[in-house]
Amino acid sequence: MKLIALLLGLSTLVNAQSLLKDAVSFRLGASVNPRMLVENEAYRNIASNEFTSLTAENHMKMMLIHPAADRFDFTKGDEIVAFAAKTGKRMHGHTLVWHNQVPQWMKDFQGDQKAWEEMLKNHIQAVVTRYKGQVSGWDVVNESFLDDGSLRPSLWADHIPDYIAKSFQWAHEADPNALLFYNDYGQDGHPKKMQAILDLVADLKKRKIPIHGLGLQMHINVDSKRTEIARVIEQSAQTGLVIHFSELDIAVNPKNNPEYIYEANTQNELFQFIFTSFRAIPARQQYGITFWNISDKDTWLRGYFKRPKEYPLLFDETYVKKPGYHSLVNYLQHAK
């Protein structure tokens, strides 16, 4: 009995020391904040030790990186890229074109379609050129479709009718070696949105516009239907493009119940399902899985949606690995 107890204890210890990144054959990433990388040692250590890929959560978006028409601010983007290089991480760029977080000067811009195209082209190519050879892939265009499959009304759709295709072309011209992604959320449960994305891919391919990957954000919750998620993954993989689960988190309190008490069983099972599903994608199409933020303390869900009792990630509010982290590692080590 003592021997069995000892062996069980050793097994638990080994599992506790095992890293999730070592249990997978693909890149494991997280979105990061440059201030936190500097100021918070626990955050920095997790970013350094637990992941093989990093994404800038906000500091490569238009508003922060291009605050004035005649001025780019690459300071924070450079810091993240330097941290990734120093710690041996792949760097993923997010995002070049989005309807949100647009600086005021772009909203106030005046000109004909040609002028708008020159303005957007300049932005894209300046950012991509800045990080040429340092950023492996870019979310070129982000969230361009509504749930009903229609094109989302935006500054870009209003002034540049073919802005998606042009954005991919301009990004490719700036860095022919970078992988270029279309990135979106909520395809599960919204088949018309998914079909619009598939139609976009087919159209770009037909026109020989370079697109290399699809970002499936995977902002899901404990009520998300596995059959719908599986369908989206299968349809995406069938395009032949590289697949990135680009912003993974699993919300446990989507209705913002103030009395909610954290219960992780369903969440843990969903994490296992997501990782198993990604493993099933052909290896040549596996770009990786990226978590959106490092820990429950940093999750965007608490700030953006004002849901203080939300626990969507694998590190808790004190930057300690949750039981779900260890169960996921154990599951992946033993699953075929």
Protein backbone atom coordinates (compact mmCIF):
# COMPACT_ATOMS: atom_id res chain seq x y z
CA MET A 1 0.00 0.00 0.00
CA LYS A 2 2.87 2.37 0.84
CA LEU A 3 4.47 1.64 -2.54
CA ILE A 4 1.21 2.34 -4.37
CA ALA A 5 0.78 5.59 -2.47
CA LEU A 6 4.36 6.57 -3.29
CA LEU A 7 3.89 5.83 -6.97
CA LEU A 8 0.65 7.79 -7.06
CA GLY A 9 2.38 10.68 -5.36
CA LEU A 10 5.23 10.62 -7.88
CA SER A 11 2.74 10.50 -10.73
CA THR A 12 0.92 13.53 -9.35
CA LEU A 13 4.22 15.39 -8.93
CA VAL A 14 5.33 14.62 -12.49
CA ASN A 15 1.98 15.76 -13.85
CA ALA A 16 2.14 18.96 -11.79
CA GLN A 17 5.55 19.73 -13.29
CA SER A 18 4.50 18.93 -16.86
CA LEU A 19 3.93 21.87 -19.18
CA LEU A 20 1.00 22.16 -21.53
CA LYS A 21 3.27 23.36 -24.33
CA ASP A 22 5.19 20.07 -24.10
CA ALA A 23 2.00 18.01 -24.36
CA VAL A 24 1.20 19.34 -27.84
CA SER A 25 3.03 19.23 -31.16
CA PHE A 26 1.84 22.65 -32.32
CA ARG A 27 2.46 26.21 -31.20
CA LEU A 28 0.77 27.26 -27.97
CA GLY A 29 0.24 30.98 -27.57
CA ALA A 30 -1.25 33.80 -25.54
CA SER A 31 -2.11 37.42 -26.14
CA VAL A 32 -0.02 39.77 -24.03
CA ASN A 33 0.07 43.31 -22.69
CA PRO A 34 3.49 45.03 -22.76
CA ARG A 35 2.93 46.89 -19.49
CA MET A 36 2.18 43.63 -17.71
CA LEU A 37 5.30 42.04 -19.18
CA VAL A 38 7.35 44.77 -17.52
CA GLU A 39 5.50 45.28 -14.24
CA ASN A 40 4.24 41.83 -13.24
CA GLU A 41 6.86 39.15 -12.66
CA ALA A 42 4.37 36.27 -12.42
CA TYR A 43 2.70 37.35 -15.67
CA ARG A 44 6.09 37.69 -17.37
CA ASN A 45 7.27 34.28 -16.19
CA ILE A 46 4.14 32.57 -17.51
CA ALA A 47 4.46 34.33 -20.86
CA SER A 48 8.10 33.30 -21.01
CA ASN A 49 7.86 29.71 -19.81
CA GLU A 50 4.42 28.42 -20.78
CA PHE A 51 4.01 29.46 -24.42
CA THR A 52 5.74 29.17 -27.77
CA SER A 53 3.83 31.93 -29.55
CA LEU A 54 2.71 35.43 -28.59
CA THR A 55 0.10 37.84 -29.95
CA ALA A 56 -0.17 41.55 -29.16
CA GLU A 57 -3.57 41.92 -27.53
CA ASN A 58 -4.01 45.60 -28.46
CA HIS A 59 -0.76 47.33 -29.31
CA MET A 60 -0.65 46.52 -33.02
CA LYS A 61 -4.20 47.74 -33.62
CA MET A 62 -4.77 50.96 -35.55
CA MET A 63 -5.68 53.24 -32.66
CA LEU A 64 -2.50 52.58 -30.69
CA ILE A 65 0.05 52.01 -33.43
CA HIS A 66 -1.08 54.82 -35.78
CA PRO A 67 -2.51 57.54 -33.51
CA ALA A 68 -2.07 60.43 -35.97
CA ALA A 69 -2.00 60.68 -39.75
CA ASP A 70 1.66 61.66 -39.75
CA ARG A 71 2.78 59.53 -36.81
CA PHE A 72 3.16 55.86 -35.99
CA ASP A 73 3.92 54.70 -32.46
CA PHE A 74 5.72 51.37 -32.64
CA THR A 75 7.10 51.57 -29.10
CA LYS A 76 4.89 48.98 -27.42
CA GLY A 77 4.69 46.73 -30.46
CA ASP A 78 8.48 46.73 -30.57
CA GLU A 79 8.62 45.77 -26.89
CA ILE A 80 6.41 42.74 -27.44
CA VAL A 81 8.34 41.67 -30.54
CA ALA A 82 11.62 42.04 -28.64
CA PHE A 83 10.29 39.98 -25.73
CA ALA A 84 9.15 37.27 -28.15
CA ALA A 85 12.56 37.20 -29.82
CA LYS A 86 14.43 37.16 -26.51
CA THR A 87 12.39 34.24 -25.19
CA GLY A 88 12.33 32.28 -28.45
CA LYS A 89 8.65 32.74 -29.28
CA ARG A 90 6.91 32.98 -32.61
CA MET A 91 5.26 36.40 -32.99
CA HIS A 92 1.77 36.71 -34.45
CA GLY A 93 0.47 40.10 -35.59
CA HIS A 94 -3.01 41.31 -34.64
CA THR A 95 -4.69 43.10 -36.40
CA LEU A 96 -4.19 45.27 -39.49
CA VAL A 97 -7.79 46.12 -40.46
CA TRP A 98 -10.75 46.16 -38.09
CA HIS A 99 -13.94 48.16 -37.70
CA ASN A 100 -13.13 48.79 -34.04
CA GLN A 101 -10.33 50.71 -32.26
CA VAL A 102 -9.91 53.06 -35.21
CA PRO A 103 -8.17 56.38 -34.47
CA GLN A 104 -10.21 59.55 -34.74
CA TRP A 105 -8.14 60.93 -37.59
CA MET A 106 -9.15 57.97 -39.77
CA LYS A 107 -12.81 58.52 -38.89
CA ASP A 108 -12.41 62.18 -39.93
CA PHE A 109 -10.49 61.40 -43.13
CA GLN A 110 -11.78 63.11 -46.26
CA GLY A 111 -11.17 61.99 -49.83
CA ASP A 112 -12.36 59.91 -52.74
CA GLN A 113 -12.01 56.12 -52.95
CA LYS A 114 -8.48 56.37 -54.30
CA ALA A 115 -7.43 58.54 -51.36
CA TRP A 116 -8.99 56.11 -48.88
CA GLU A 117 -7.17 53.22 -50.55
CA GLU A 118 -3.85 55.06 -50.33
CA MET A 119 -4.44 55.83 -46.67
CA LEU A 120 -5.26 52.21 -45.76
CA LYS A 121 -2.47 50.82 -47.95
CA ASN A 122 0.03 53.12 -46.26
CA HIS A 123 -1.10 51.97 -42.83
CA ILE A 124 -0.95 48.26 -43.66
CA GLN A 125 2.38 48.38 -45.44
CA ALA A 126 4.05 50.59 -42.84
CA VAL A 127 3.11 48.21 -40.02
CA VAL A 128 3.92 45.01 -41.92
CA THR A 129 7.23 46.43 -43.16
CA ARG A 130 8.17 47.46 -39.63
CA TYR A 131 7.94 43.85 -38.47
CA LYS A 132 8.97 42.09 -41.66
CA GLY A 133 10.89 38.95 -40.79
CA GLN A 134 9.89 39.24 -37.13
CA VAL A 135 6.15 38.53 -37.32
CA SER A 136 5.30 35.12 -38.78
CA GLY A 137 1.64 35.74 -39.50
CA TRP A 138 -0.90 38.56 -39.53
CA ASP A 139 -4.59 38.81 -38.85
CA VAL A 140 -4.99 41.01 -41.90
CA VAL A 141 -8.73 41.58 -41.65
CA ASN A 142 -10.74 41.05 -38.48
CA GLU A 143 -14.48 40.44 -37.98
CA SER A 144 -15.86 41.69 -41.30
CA PHE A 145 -19.13 39.71 -41.28
CA LEU A 146 -22.30 39.93 -39.22
CA ASP A 147 -24.04 36.83 -37.88
CA ASP A 148 -26.44 36.81 -40.85
CA GLY A 149 -23.52 36.60 -43.28
CA SER A 150 -23.77 40.16 -44.54
CA LEU A 151 -20.75 42.43 -44.71
CA ARG A 152 -20.41 44.40 -41.50
CA PRO A 153 -21.00 48.14 -41.97
CA SER A 154 -17.70 49.89 -41.31
CA LEU A 155 -15.50 52.78 -42.24
CA TRP A 156 -13.68 50.51 -44.68
CA ALA A 157 -16.75 48.99 -46.31
CA ASP A 158 -18.21 52.48 -46.75
CA HIS A 159 -15.22 53.88 -48.61
CA ILE A 160 -13.37 50.90 -50.15
CA PRO A 161 -15.86 48.36 -51.55
CA ASP A 162 -13.19 45.66 -52.08
CA TYR A 163 -11.19 46.47 -48.97
CA ILE A 164 -10.75 42.87 -47.80
CA ALA A 165 -9.06 41.66 -50.98
CA LYS A 166 -7.00 44.83 -51.29
CA SER A 167 -5.83 44.55 -47.69
CA PHE A 168 -4.53 41.04 -48.25
CA GLN A 169 -2.77 42.10 -51.42
CA TRP A 170 -1.13 45.10 -49.76
CA ALA A 171 0.03 43.04 -46.78
CA HIS A 172 1.52 40.42 -49.09
CA GLU A 173 3.40 43.07 -51.04
CA ALA A 174 4.97 44.33 -47.81
CA ASP A 175 6.05 40.88 -46.58
CA PRO A 176 5.69 38.02 -49.09
CA ASN A 177 6.82 35.49 -46.47
CA ALA A 178 4.22 36.29 -43.81
CA LEU A 179 1.17 34.05 -43.46
CA LEU A 180 -2.00 36.09 -43.91
CA PHE A 181 -5.19 35.28 -41.96
CA TYR A 182 -8.82 36.27 -41.95
CA ASN A 183 -9.92 36.24 -38.29
CA ASP A 184 -13.47 36.08 -36.88
CA TYR A 185 -15.66 34.86 -34.01
CA GLY A 186 -19.06 33.25 -33.49
CA GLN A 187 -19.13 31.00 -36.53
CA ASP A 188 -20.56 28.22 -34.36
CA GLY A 189 -24.30 28.71 -34.21
CA HIS A 190 -24.26 31.13 -37.16
CA PRO A 191 -23.98 29.04 -40.34
CA LYS A 192 -24.63 32.04 -42.61
CA LYS A 193 -21.65 33.81 -41.13
CA MET A 194 -19.50 30.73 -41.63
CA GLN A 195 -20.69 30.41 -45.22
CA ALA A 196 -19.80 34.05 -45.88
CA ILE A 197 -16.27 33.35 -44.68
CA LEU A 198 -16.01 30.25 -46.87
CA ASP A 199 -17.29 32.26 -49.83
CA LEU A 200 -14.67 34.92 -49.12
CA VAL A 201 -11.90 32.33 -49.12
CA ALA A 202 -13.14 30.83 -52.39
CA ASP A 203 -13.36 34.27 -53.98
CA LEU A 204 -9.87 35.30 -52.91
CA LYS A 205 -8.43 32.01 -54.13
CA LYS A 206 -10.21 32.38 -57.48
CA ARG A 207 -8.78 35.86 -57.89
CA LYS A 208 -5.33 34.67 -56.76
CA ILE A 209 -5.35 37.06 -53.81
CA PRO A 210 -2.98 35.67 -51.16
CA ILE A 211 -4.75 34.26 -48.12
CA HIS A 212 -3.04 31.53 -46.13
CA GLY A 213 -5.06 30.98 -42.99
CA LEU A 214 -8.27 31.27 -41.02
CA GLY A 215 -8.36 32.48 -37.44
CA LEU A 216 -11.18 30.89 -35.45
CA GLN A 217 -11.26 33.04 -32.34
CA MET A 218 -12.92 30.43 -30.12
CA HIS A 219 -14.50 32.84 -27.66
CA ILE A 220 -16.88 30.16 -26.46
CA ASN A 221 -18.72 29.37 -23.24
CA VAL A 222 -19.89 26.36 -21.26
CA ASP A 223 -23.19 26.38 -23.15
CA SER A 224 -21.56 26.26 -26.60
CA LYS A 225 -22.58 23.24 -28.65
CA ARG A 226 -19.76 20.88 -29.54
CA THR A 227 -21.48 19.74 -32.73
CA GLU A 228 -21.55 23.30 -34.04
CA ILE A 229 -17.93 23.95 -33.07
CA ALA A 230 -16.89 20.70 -34.76
CA ARG A 231 -18.75 21.67 -37.93
CA VAL A 232 -16.96 25.03 -38.11
CA ILE A 233 -13.57 23.40 -37.57
CA GLU A 234 -14.25 20.80 -40.27
CA GLN A 235 -15.47 23.39 -42.77
CA SER A 236 -12.47 25.60 -42.08
CA ALA A 237 -9.98 22.77 -42.47
CA GLN A 238 -11.59 21.72 -45.75
CA THR A 239 -10.45 25.02 -47.29
CA GLY A 240 -6.89 23.71 -47.11
CA LEU A 241 -5.78 26.87 -45.32
CA VAL A 242 -3.72 26.98 -42.16
CA ILE A 243 -5.96 27.03 -39.06
CA HIS A 244 -5.40 29.12 -35.93
CA PHE A 245 -7.58 28.90 -32.83
CA SER A 246 -6.64 32.50 -32.30
CA GLU A 247 -8.34 33.88 -29.17
CA LEU A 248 -9.38 30.94 -27.02
CA ASP A 249 -11.25 31.37 -23.78
CA ILE A 250 -14.18 29.47 -22.30
CA ALA A 251 -16.58 31.65 -20.34
CA VAL A 252 -18.26 30.02 -17.35
CA ASN A 253 -20.63 32.83 -16.35
CA PRO A 254 -21.95 34.25 -19.64
CA LYS A 255 -25.17 35.50 -18.01
CA ASN A 256 -23.17 37.46 -15.43
CA ASN A 257 -24.83 35.92 -12.39
CA PRO A 258 -23.54 37.93 -9.38
CA GLU A 259 -23.99 34.88 -7.14
CA TYR A 260 -22.06 32.57 -9.46
CA ILE A 261 -19.73 30.05 -7.81
CA TYR A 262 -16.99 28.74 -10.07
CA GLU A 263 -17.49 25.16 -11.25
CA ALA A 264 -14.93 23.97 -13.76
CA ASN A 265 -15.96 20.46 -14.86
CA THR A 266 -17.77 21.47 -18.05
CA GLN A 267 -15.08 24.02 -18.86
CA ASN A 268 -12.33 21.44 -18.41
CA GLU A 269 -14.13 19.00 -20.70
CA LEU A 270 -14.52 21.73 -23.32
CA PHE A 271 -10.81 22.56 -23.19
CA GLN A 272 -10.09 18.88 -23.81
CA PHE A 273 -12.53 18.87 -26.71
CA ILE A 274 -10.98 21.98 -28.27
CA PHE A 275 -7.44 20.63 -28.06
CA THR A 276 -8.48 17.21 -29.36
CA SER A 277 -10.31 18.85 -32.25
CA PHE A 278 -7.25 20.89 -33.17
CA ARG A 279 -5.07 17.79 -33.08
CA ALA A 280 -7.39 16.21 -35.66
CA ILE A 281 -6.63 18.94 -38.20
CA PRO A 282 -3.94 17.81 -40.68
CA ALA A 283 -0.54 18.69 -39.20
CA ARG A 284 0.45 20.86 -42.17
CA GLN A 285 -2.57 23.08 -41.42
CA GLN A 286 -1.94 23.49 -37.68
CA TYR A 287 -0.81 27.04 -36.96
CA GLY A 288 -1.54 26.70 -33.24
CA ILE A 289 -3.85 27.53 -30.35
CA THR A 290 -3.64 30.96 -28.71
CA PHE A 291 -5.33 31.84 -25.42
CA TRP A 292 -6.79 35.33 -25.16
CA ASN A 293 -4.95 36.70 -22.12
CA ILE A 294 -2.80 34.95 -19.54
CA SER A 295 -4.97 34.53 -16.45
CA ASP A 296 -8.48 35.02 -15.09
CA LYS A 297 -7.27 38.28 -13.57
CA ASP A 298 -6.38 39.70 -16.99
CA THR A 299 -9.27 38.36 -19.06
CA TRP A 300 -10.93 40.88 -21.35
CA LEU A 301 -14.30 39.39 -20.39
CA ARG A 302 -14.17 41.01 -16.97
CA GLY A 303 -13.44 44.47 -18.32
CA TYR A 304 -15.28 44.59 -21.63
CA PHE A 305 -18.45 42.87 -20.46
CA LYS A 306 -18.13 43.88 -16.79
CA ARG A 307 -18.37 40.29 -15.58
CA PRO A 308 -16.25 40.18 -12.42
CA LYS A 309 -17.10 36.54 -11.73
CA GLU A 310 -15.66 35.18 -14.95
CA TYR A 311 -12.94 32.54 -15.00
CA PRO A 312 -12.25 31.59 -18.63
CA LEU A 313 -8.57 30.58 -18.62
CA LEU A 314 -6.16 28.02 -17.17
CA PHE A 315 -4.35 30.32 -14.73
CA ASP A 316 -6.23 31.78 -11.77
CA GLU A 317 -6.28 35.32 -10.38
CA THR A 318 -2.98 34.73 -8.57
CA TYR A 319 -1.29 33.33 -11.71
CA VAL A 320 -1.36 29.78 -10.37
CA LYS A 321 -2.24 26.86 -12.64
CA LYS A 322 -5.81 25.75 -12.08
CA PRO A 323 -6.70 22.04 -11.74
CA GLY A 324 -8.02 22.27 -15.29
CA TYR A 325 -4.50 22.97 -16.54
CA HIS A 326 -3.20 19.74 -15.03
CA SER A 327 -6.19 17.69 -16.15
CA LEU A 328 -5.73 18.97 -19.71
CA VAL A 329 -2.04 18.05 -19.70
CA ASN A 330 -2.83 14.60 -18.32
CA TYR A 331 -5.60 14.11 -20.87
CA LEU A 332 -3.39 15.10 -23.81
CA GLN A 333 -0.53 12.92 -22.62
CA HIS A 334 -2.77 9.85 -22.58
CA ALA A 335 -5.20 10.56 -25.43
CA LYS A 336 -4.46 8.97 -28.76
